[in-house]
Amino acid sequence: SESCKVLCPVTLTKDEANAFIEAIEQEYR
Protein backbone atom coordinates (compact mmCIF):
# COMPACT_ATOMS: atom_id res chain seq x y z
CA SER A 1 0.00 0.00 0.00
CA GLU A 2 0.96 3.64 -0.56
CA SER A 3 -0.50 6.34 1.69
CA CYS A 4 0.14 9.08 -0.83
CA LYS A 5 2.40 9.38 -3.83
CA VAL A 6 3.08 12.22 -6.27
CA LEU A 7 2.40 11.24 -9.86
CA CYS A 8 3.47 14.45 -11.60
CA PRO A 9 3.00 18.23 -11.57
CA VAL A 10 1.39 19.82 -14.65
CA THR A 11 1.29 23.45 -15.69
CA LEU A 12 -1.81 23.96 -17.84
CA THR A 13 -1.97 26.18 -20.86
CA LYS A 14 -5.16 28.10 -21.49
CA ASP A 15 -6.39 25.52 -24.01
CA GLU A 16 -5.57 22.60 -21.71
CA ALA A 17 -7.46 24.21 -18.83
CA ASN A 18 -10.46 24.82 -21.08
CA ALA A 19 -10.33 21.18 -22.25
CA PHE A 20 -10.49 19.99 -18.65
CA ILE A 21 -13.35 22.37 -17.88
CA GLU A 22 -15.33 21.21 -20.93
CA ALA A 23 -14.83 17.55 -19.98
CA ILE A 24 -16.00 18.29 -16.42
CA GLU A 25 -19.10 20.15 -17.62
CA GLN A 26 -20.03 17.25 -19.89
CA GLU A 27 -19.50 14.81 -17.00
CA TYR A 28 -16.86 12.66 -18.64
CA ARG A 29 -15.73 9.64 -16.66
Full PDB file with SEQRES, HELIX, SHEET, SSBOND, CRYST1, ORIGX, SCALE, CONECT and MASTER records, all heavy atoms in Angstrom:
SEQRES   1 A   29  SER GLU SER CYS LYS VAL LEU CYS PRO VAL THR LEU THR          
SEQRES   2 A   29  LYS ASP GLU ALA ASN ALA PHE ILE GLU ALA ILE GLU GLN          
SEQRES   3 A   29  GLU TYR ARG                                                  
HELIX    1 AA1 LYS A   14  GLU A   25  1                                  12    
CRYST1    1.000    1.000    1.000  90.00  90.00  90.00 P 1           1          
ORIGX1      1.000000  0.000000  0.000000        0.00000                         
ORIGX2      0.000000  1.000000  0.000000        0.00000                         
ORIGX3      0.000000  0.000000  1.000000        0.00000                         
SCALE1      1.000000  0.000000  0.000000        0.00000                         
SCALE2      0.000000  1.000000  0.000000        0.00000                         
SCALE3      0.000000  0.000000  1.000000        0.00000                         
ATOM      1  N   SER A   1       0.829  -1.200   0.000  1.00  0.00           N  
ATOM      2  CA  SER A   1       0.000   0.000   0.000  1.00  0.00           C  
ATOM      3  C   SER A   1       0.867   1.255   0.000  1.00  0.00           C  
ATOM      4  O   SER A   1       2.012   1.245   0.455  1.00  0.00           O  
ATOM      5  CB  SER A   1      -0.932   0.005   1.213  1.00  0.00           C  
ATOM      6  OG  SER A   1      -1.797  -1.110   1.193  1.00  0.00           O  
ATOM      7  N   GLU A   2       0.308   2.335  -0.535  1.00  0.00           N  
ATOM      8  CA  GLU A   2       0.962   3.643  -0.565  1.00  0.00           C  
ATOM      9  C   GLU A   2      -0.014   4.661   0.007  1.00  0.00           C  
ATOM     10  O   GLU A   2      -1.136   4.808  -0.492  1.00  0.00           O  
ATOM     11  CB  GLU A   2       1.337   4.029  -1.995  1.00  0.00           C  
ATOM     12  CG  GLU A   2       2.374   3.151  -2.655  1.00  0.00           C  
ATOM     13  CD  GLU A   2       3.788   3.506  -2.234  1.00  0.00           C  
ATOM     14  OE1 GLU A   2       3.943   4.513  -1.503  1.00  0.00           O  
ATOM     15  OE2 GLU A   2       4.722   2.779  -2.614  1.00  0.00           O  
ATOM     16  N   SER A   3       0.405   5.364   1.071  1.00  0.00           N  
ATOM     17  CA  SER A   3      -0.502   6.336   1.693  1.00  0.00           C  
ATOM     18  C   SER A   3      -0.748   7.528   0.782  1.00  0.00           C  
ATOM     19  O   SER A   3      -1.856   8.029   0.666  1.00  0.00           O  
ATOM     20  CB  SER A   3       0.052   6.799   3.034  1.00  0.00           C  
ATOM     21  OG  SER A   3       1.318   7.438   2.853  1.00  0.00           O  
ATOM     22  N   CYS A   4       0.287   7.986   0.119  1.00  0.00           N  
ATOM     23  CA  CYS A   4       0.139   9.082  -0.835  1.00  0.00           C  
ATOM     24  C   CYS A   4       1.413   9.182  -1.657  1.00  0.00           C  
ATOM     25  O   CYS A   4       2.519   9.107  -1.106  1.00  0.00           O  
ATOM     26  CB  CYS A   4      -0.146  10.405  -0.131  1.00  0.00           C  
ATOM     27  SG  CYS A   4      -0.640  11.724  -1.284  1.00  0.00           S  
ATOM     28  N   LYS A   5       1.247   9.335  -2.939  1.00  0.00           N  
ATOM     29  CA  LYS A   5       2.403   9.382  -3.825  1.00  0.00           C  
ATOM     30  C   LYS A   5       2.151  10.417  -4.911  1.00  0.00           C  
ATOM     31  O   LYS A   5       1.045  10.494  -5.472  1.00  0.00           O  
ATOM     32  CB  LYS A   5       2.646   8.005  -4.440  1.00  0.00           C  
ATOM     33  CG  LYS A   5       4.015   7.828  -5.054  1.00  0.00           C  
ATOM     34  CD  LYS A   5       4.251   6.362  -5.407  1.00  0.00           C  
ATOM     35  CE  LYS A   5       5.669   6.164  -5.947  1.00  0.00           C  
ATOM     36  NZ  LYS A   5       5.928   4.719  -6.256  1.00  0.00           N  
ATOM     37  N   VAL A   6       3.190  11.217  -5.213  1.00  0.00           N  
ATOM     38  CA  VAL A   6       3.077  12.219  -6.270  1.00  0.00           C  
ATOM     39  C   VAL A   6       3.247  11.540  -7.618  1.00  0.00           C  
ATOM     40  O   VAL A   6       4.210  10.800  -7.839  1.00  0.00           O  
ATOM     41  CB  VAL A   6       4.131  13.322  -6.090  1.00  0.00           C  
ATOM     42  CG1 VAL A   6       4.103  14.285  -7.283  1.00  0.00           C  
ATOM     43  CG2 VAL A   6       3.889  14.077  -4.799  1.00  0.00           C  
ATOM     44  N   LEU A   7       2.291  11.790  -8.505  1.00  0.00           N  
ATOM     45  CA  LEU A   7       2.398  11.243  -9.860  1.00  0.00           C  
ATOM     46  C   LEU A   7       3.176  12.194 -10.754  1.00  0.00           C  
ATOM     47  O   LEU A   7       4.166  11.805 -11.371  1.00  0.00           O  
ATOM     48  CB  LEU A   7       1.000  10.984 -10.432  1.00  0.00           C  
ATOM     49  CG  LEU A   7       0.942  10.263 -11.771  1.00  0.00           C  
ATOM     50  CD1 LEU A   7       1.526   8.858 -11.639  1.00  0.00           C  
ATOM     51  CD2 LEU A   7      -0.495  10.192 -12.281  1.00  0.00           C  
ATOM     52  N   CYS A   8       2.735  13.436 -10.836  1.00  0.00           N  
ATOM     53  CA  CYS A   8       3.475  14.449 -11.596  1.00  0.00           C  
ATOM     54  C   CYS A   8       2.809  15.803 -11.417  1.00  0.00           C  
ATOM     55  O   CYS A   8       1.605  15.890 -11.174  1.00  0.00           O  
ATOM     56  CB  CYS A   8       3.534  14.092 -13.090  1.00  0.00           C  
ATOM     57  SG  CYS A   8       1.972  14.362 -13.965  1.00  0.00           S  
ATOM     58  N   PRO A   9       3.583  16.883 -11.511  1.00  0.00           N  
ATOM     59  CA  PRO A   9       3.001  18.227 -11.569  1.00  0.00           C  
ATOM     60  C   PRO A   9       2.783  18.632 -13.024  1.00  0.00           C  
ATOM     61  O   PRO A   9       3.575  18.274 -13.907  1.00  0.00           O  
ATOM     62  CB  PRO A   9       4.076  19.096 -10.907  1.00  0.00           C  
ATOM     63  CG  PRO A   9       5.360  18.384 -11.193  1.00  0.00           C  
ATOM     64  CD  PRO A   9       5.051  16.919 -11.316  1.00  0.00           C  
ATOM     65  N   VAL A  10       1.716  19.373 -13.298  1.00  0.00           N  
ATOM     66  CA  VAL A  10       1.394  19.817 -14.654  1.00  0.00           C  
ATOM     67  C   VAL A  10       1.052  21.303 -14.611  1.00  0.00           C  
ATOM     68  O   VAL A  10       0.279  21.743 -13.743  1.00  0.00           O  
ATOM     69  CB  VAL A  10       0.210  19.016 -15.249  1.00  0.00           C  
ATOM     70  CG1 VAL A  10      -0.167  19.566 -16.616  1.00  0.00           C  
ATOM     71  CG2 VAL A  10       0.556  17.533 -15.355  1.00  0.00           C  
ATOM     72  N   THR A  11       1.640  22.042 -15.519  1.00  0.00           N  
ATOM     73  CA  THR A  11       1.288  23.455 -15.694  1.00  0.00           C  
ATOM     74  C   THR A  11       0.412  23.563 -16.938  1.00  0.00           C  
ATOM     75  O   THR A  11       0.853  23.265 -18.054  1.00  0.00           O  
ATOM     76  CB  THR A  11       2.533  24.335 -15.846  1.00  0.00           C  
ATOM     77  OG1 THR A  11       3.350  24.187 -14.672  1.00  0.00           O  
ATOM     78  CG2 THR A  11       2.139  25.792 -16.004  1.00  0.00           C  
ATOM     79  N   LEU A  12      -0.831  23.971 -16.759  1.00  0.00           N  
ATOM     80  CA  LEU A  12      -1.811  23.957 -17.840  1.00  0.00           C  
ATOM     81  C   LEU A  12      -1.725  25.231 -18.677  1.00  0.00           C  
ATOM     82  O   LEU A  12      -1.607  26.336 -18.137  1.00  0.00           O  
ATOM     83  CB  LEU A  12      -3.219  23.822 -17.277  1.00  0.00           C  
ATOM     84  CG  LEU A  12      -3.519  22.585 -16.420  1.00  0.00           C  
ATOM     85  CD1 LEU A  12      -4.951  22.644 -15.902  1.00  0.00           C  
ATOM     86  CD2 LEU A  12      -3.287  21.304 -17.210  1.00  0.00           C  
ATOM     87  N   THR A  13      -1.776  25.036 -19.972  1.00  0.00           N  
ATOM     88  CA  THR A  13      -1.971  26.180 -20.855  1.00  0.00           C  
ATOM     89  C   THR A  13      -3.453  26.560 -20.824  1.00  0.00           C  
ATOM     90  O   THR A  13      -4.291  25.862 -20.239  1.00  0.00           O  
ATOM     91  CB  THR A  13      -1.562  25.840 -22.288  1.00  0.00           C  
ATOM     92  OG1 THR A  13      -2.431  24.805 -22.788  1.00  0.00           O  
ATOM     93  CG2 THR A  13      -0.128  25.360 -22.340  1.00  0.00           C  
ATOM     94  N   LYS A  14      -3.776  27.660 -21.456  1.00  0.00           N  
ATOM     95  CA  LYS A  14      -5.160  28.100 -21.494  1.00  0.00           C  
ATOM     96  C   LYS A  14      -6.053  27.062 -22.170  1.00  0.00           C  
ATOM     97  O   LYS A  14      -7.150  26.750 -21.690  1.00  0.00           O  
ATOM     98  CB  LYS A  14      -5.254  29.441 -22.218  1.00  0.00           C  
ATOM     99  CG  LYS A  14      -6.667  30.009 -22.297  1.00  0.00           C  
ATOM    100  CD  LYS A  14      -6.677  31.367 -22.945  1.00  0.00           C  
ATOM    101  CE  LYS A  14      -6.254  31.285 -24.409  1.00  0.00           C  
ATOM    102  NZ  LYS A  14      -6.396  32.583 -25.107  1.00  0.00           N  
ATOM    103  N   ASP A  15      -5.586  26.516 -23.286  1.00  0.00           N  
ATOM    104  CA  ASP A  15      -6.387  25.522 -24.010  1.00  0.00           C  
ATOM    105  C   ASP A  15      -6.548  24.235 -23.205  1.00  0.00           C  
ATOM    106  O   ASP A  15      -7.618  23.611 -23.222  1.00  0.00           O  
ATOM    107  CB  ASP A  15      -5.737  25.210 -25.370  1.00  0.00           C  
ATOM    108  CG  ASP A  15      -5.786  26.396 -26.315  1.00  0.00           C  
ATOM    109  OD1 ASP A  15      -6.669  27.262 -26.111  1.00  0.00           O  
ATOM    110  OD2 ASP A  15      -4.951  26.458 -27.237  1.00  0.00           O  
ATOM    111  N   GLU A  16      -5.486  23.827 -22.509  1.00  0.00           N  
ATOM    112  CA  GLU A  16      -5.572  22.604 -21.709  1.00  0.00           C  
ATOM    113  C   GLU A  16      -6.535  22.786 -20.542  1.00  0.00           C  
ATOM    114  O   GLU A  16      -7.319  21.877 -20.205  1.00  0.00           O  
ATOM    115  CB  GLU A  16      -4.184  22.212 -21.211  1.00  0.00           C  
ATOM    116  CG  GLU A  16      -3.256  21.721 -22.310  1.00  0.00           C  
ATOM    117  CD  GLU A  16      -1.848  21.480 -21.802  1.00  0.00           C  
ATOM    118  OE1 GLU A  16      -1.481  22.066 -20.754  1.00  0.00           O  
ATOM    119  OE2 GLU A  16      -1.107  20.727 -22.451  1.00  0.00           O  
ATOM    120  N   ALA A  17      -6.521  23.945 -19.918  1.00  0.00           N  
ATOM    121  CA  ALA A  17      -7.461  24.211 -18.830  1.00  0.00           C  
ATOM    122  C   ALA A  17      -8.899  24.205 -19.333  1.00  0.00           C  
ATOM    123  O   ALA A  17      -9.799  23.640 -18.695  1.00  0.00           O  
ATOM    124  CB  ALA A  17      -7.131  25.554 -18.171  1.00  0.00           C  
ATOM    125  N   ASN A  18      -9.110  24.806 -20.494  1.00  0.00           N  
ATOM    126  CA  ASN A  18     -10.457  24.825 -21.075  1.00  0.00           C  
ATOM    127  C   ASN A  18     -10.908  23.411 -21.456  1.00  0.00           C  
ATOM    128  O   ASN A  18     -12.099  23.090 -21.357  1.00  0.00           O  
ATOM    129  CB  ASN A  18     -10.491  25.736 -22.291  1.00  0.00           C  
ATOM    130  CG  ASN A  18     -10.321  27.198 -21.925  1.00  0.00           C  
ATOM    131  OD1 ASN A  18     -10.535  27.586 -20.764  1.00  0.00           O  
ATOM    132  ND2 ASN A  18      -9.941  28.028 -22.887  1.00  0.00           N  
ATOM    133  N   ALA A  19      -9.972  22.561 -21.914  1.00  0.00           N  
ATOM    134  CA  ALA A  19     -10.328  21.184 -22.253  1.00  0.00           C  
ATOM    135  C   ALA A  19     -10.774  20.429 -21.013  1.00  0.00           C  
ATOM    136  O   ALA A  19     -11.757  19.668 -21.048  1.00  0.00           O  
ATOM    137  CB  ALA A  19      -9.135  20.491 -22.913  1.00  0.00           C  
ATOM    138  N   PHE A  20     -10.072  20.622 -19.913  1.00  0.00           N  
ATOM    139  CA  PHE A  20     -10.486  19.990 -18.651  1.00  0.00           C  
ATOM    140  C   PHE A  20     -11.865  20.480 -18.231  1.00  0.00           C  
ATOM    141  O   PHE A  20     -12.736  19.696 -17.829  1.00  0.00           O  
ATOM    142  CB  PHE A  20      -9.464  20.290 -17.553  1.00  0.00           C  
ATOM    143  CG  PHE A  20      -8.465  19.204 -17.329  1.00  0.00           C  
ATOM    144  CD1 PHE A  20      -7.111  19.495 -17.259  1.00  0.00           C  
ATOM    145  CD2 PHE A  20      -8.870  17.883 -17.180  1.00  0.00           C  
ATOM    146  CE1 PHE A  20      -6.178  18.498 -17.051  1.00  0.00           C  
ATOM    147  CE2 PHE A  20      -7.944  16.882 -16.967  1.00  0.00           C  
ATOM    148  CZ  PHE A  20      -6.587  17.178 -16.898  1.00  0.00           C  
ATOM    149  N   ILE A  21     -12.077  21.790 -18.301  1.00  0.00           N  
ATOM    150  CA  ILE A  21     -13.353  22.374 -17.878  1.00  0.00           C  
ATOM    151  C   ILE A  21     -14.498  21.837 -18.729  1.00  0.00           C  
ATOM    152  O   ILE A  21     -15.575  21.495 -18.211  1.00  0.00           O  
ATOM    153  CB  ILE A  21     -13.275  23.908 -17.946  1.00  0.00           C  
ATOM    154  CG1 ILE A  21     -12.305  24.441 -16.888  1.00  0.00           C  
ATOM    155  CG2 ILE A  21     -14.653  24.535 -17.771  1.00  0.00           C  
ATOM    156  CD1 ILE A  21     -12.039  25.933 -16.983  1.00  0.00           C  
ATOM    157  N   GLU A  22     -14.281  21.737 -20.048  1.00  0.00           N  
ATOM    158  CA  GLU A  22     -15.329  21.213 -20.928  1.00  0.00           C  
ATOM    159  C   GLU A  22     -15.646  19.755 -20.602  1.00  0.00           C  
ATOM    160  O   GLU A  22     -16.815  19.349 -20.584  1.00  0.00           O  
ATOM    161  CB  GLU A  22     -14.897  21.340 -22.391  1.00  0.00           C  
ATOM    162  CG  GLU A  22     -15.968  20.898 -23.369  1.00  0.00           C  
ATOM    163  CD  GLU A  22     -15.549  21.064 -24.813  1.00  0.00           C  
ATOM    164  OE1 GLU A  22     -14.395  21.521 -25.048  1.00  0.00           O  
ATOM    165  OE2 GLU A  22     -16.346  20.744 -25.709  1.00  0.00           O  
ATOM    166  N   ALA A  23     -14.607  18.955 -20.331  1.00  0.00           N  
ATOM    167  CA  ALA A  23     -14.832  17.553 -19.975  1.00  0.00           C  
ATOM    168  C   ALA A  23     -15.586  17.430 -18.661  1.00  0.00           C  
ATOM    169  O   ALA A  23     -16.443  16.558 -18.491  1.00  0.00           O  
ATOM    170  CB  ALA A  23     -13.495  16.816 -19.893  1.00  0.00           C  
ATOM    171  N   ILE A  24     -15.296  18.314 -17.712  1.00  0.00           N  
ATOM    172  CA  ILE A  24     -15.996  18.291 -16.422  1.00  0.00           C  
ATOM    173  C   ILE A  24     -17.453  18.680 -16.599  1.00  0.00           C  
ATOM    174  O   ILE A  24     -18.361  18.053 -16.036  1.00  0.00           O  
ATOM    175  CB  ILE A  24     -15.295  19.228 -15.425  1.00  0.00           C  
ATOM    176  CG1 ILE A  24     -13.899  18.693 -15.083  1.00  0.00           C  
ATOM    177  CG2 ILE A  24     -16.128  19.390 -14.161  1.00  0.00           C  
ATOM    178  CD1 ILE A  24     -13.055  19.664 -14.277  1.00  0.00           C  
ATOM    179  N   GLU A  25     -17.719  19.702 -17.401  1.00  0.00           N  
ATOM    180  CA  GLU A  25     -19.098  20.152 -17.616  1.00  0.00           C  
ATOM    181  C   GLU A  25     -19.939  19.092 -18.323  1.00  0.00           C  
ATOM    182  O   GLU A  25     -21.145  18.982 -18.075  1.00  0.00           O  
ATOM    183  CB  GLU A  25     -19.099  21.453 -18.421  1.00  0.00           C  
ATOM    184  CG  GLU A  25     -18.554  22.654 -17.650  1.00  0.00           C  
ATOM    185  CD  GLU A  25     -18.476  23.894 -18.500  1.00  0.00           C  
ATOM    186  OE1 GLU A  25     -18.610  23.765 -19.744  1.00  0.00           O  
ATOM    187  OE2 GLU A  25     -18.280  24.998 -17.930  1.00  0.00           O  
ATOM    188  N   GLN A  26     -19.305  18.307 -19.191  1.00  0.00           N  
ATOM    189  CA  GLN A  26     -20.025  17.248 -19.891  1.00  0.00           C  
ATOM    190  C   GLN A  26     -19.995  15.923 -19.142  1.00  0.00           C  
ATOM    191  O   GLN A  26     -20.441  14.903 -19.652  1.00  0.00           O  
ATOM    192  CB  GLN A  26     -19.439  17.073 -21.298  1.00  0.00           C  
ATOM    193  CG  GLN A  26     -19.653  18.287 -22.188  1.00  0.00           C  
ATOM    194  CD  GLN A  26     -18.995  18.134 -23.545  1.00  0.00           C  
ATOM    195  OE1 GLN A  26     -18.245  17.188 -23.781  1.00  0.00           O  
ATOM    196  NE2 GLN A  26     -19.282  19.062 -24.436  1.00  0.00           N  
ATOM    197  N   GLU A  27     -19.487  15.953 -17.910  1.00  0.00           N  
ATOM    198  CA  GLU A  27     -19.503  14.809 -16.996  1.00  0.00           C  
ATOM    199  C   GLU A  27     -18.814  13.581 -17.590  1.00  0.00           C  
ATOM    200  O   GLU A  27     -19.338  12.457 -17.526  1.00  0.00           O  
ATOM    201  CB  GLU A  27     -20.928  14.478 -16.568  1.00  0.00           C  
ATOM    202  CG  GLU A  27     -21.608  15.610 -15.809  1.00  0.00           C  
ATOM    203  CD  GLU A  27     -22.982  15.217 -15.297  1.00  0.00           C  
ATOM    204  OE1 GLU A  27     -23.287  14.014 -15.268  1.00  0.00           O  
ATOM    205  OE2 GLU A  27     -23.753  16.138 -14.937  1.00  0.00           O  
ATOM    206  N   TYR A  28     -17.651  13.795 -18.144  1.00  0.00           N  
ATOM    207  CA  TYR A  28     -16.859  12.662 -18.635  1.00  0.00           C  
ATOM    208  C   TYR A  28     -16.328  11.848 -17.454  1.00  0.00           C  
ATOM    209  O   TYR A  28     -16.027  12.392 -16.390  1.00  0.00           O  
ATOM    210  CB  TYR A  28     -15.698  13.160 -19.493  1.00  0.00           C  
ATOM    211  CG  TYR A  28     -16.042  13.300 -20.954  1.00  0.00           C  
ATOM    212  CD1 TYR A  28     -16.517  14.499 -21.456  1.00  0.00           C  
ATOM    213  CD2 TYR A  28     -15.897  12.220 -21.824  1.00  0.00           C  
ATOM    214  CE1 TYR A  28     -16.838  14.639 -22.803  1.00  0.00           C  
ATOM    215  CE2 TYR A  28     -16.214  12.344 -23.170  1.00  0.00           C  
ATOM    216  CZ  TYR A  28     -16.687  13.550 -23.652  1.00  0.00           C  
ATOM    217  OH  TYR A  28     -17.013  13.673 -24.977  1.00  0.00           O  
ATOM    218  N   ARG A  29     -16.236  10.553 -17.678  1.00  0.00           N  
ATOM    219  CA  ARG A  29     -15.732   9.637 -16.657  1.00  0.00           C  
ATOM    220  C   ARG A  29     -14.486   8.931 -17.185  1.00  0.00           C  
ATOM    221  O   ARG A  29     -14.383   8.615 -18.372  1.00  0.00           O  
ATOM    222  CB  ARG A  29     -16.788   8.594 -16.263  1.00  0.00           C  
ATOM    223  CG  ARG A  29     -18.035   9.223 -15.650  1.00  0.00           C  
ATOM    224  CD  ARG A  29     -19.000   8.163 -15.159  1.00  0.00           C  
ATOM    225  NE  ARG A  29     -18.483   7.427 -14.008  1.00  0.00           N  
ATOM    226  CZ  ARG A  29     -18.600   7.818 -12.755  1.00  0.00           C  
ATOM    227  NH1 ARG A  29     -19.207   8.977 -12.480  1.00  0.00           N  
ATOM    228  NH2 ARG A  29     -18.121   7.089 -11.770  1.00  0.00           N  
TER     229      ARG A  29                                                      
MASTER        0    0    0    1    0    0    0    6  228    1    0    3          
END                                                                             
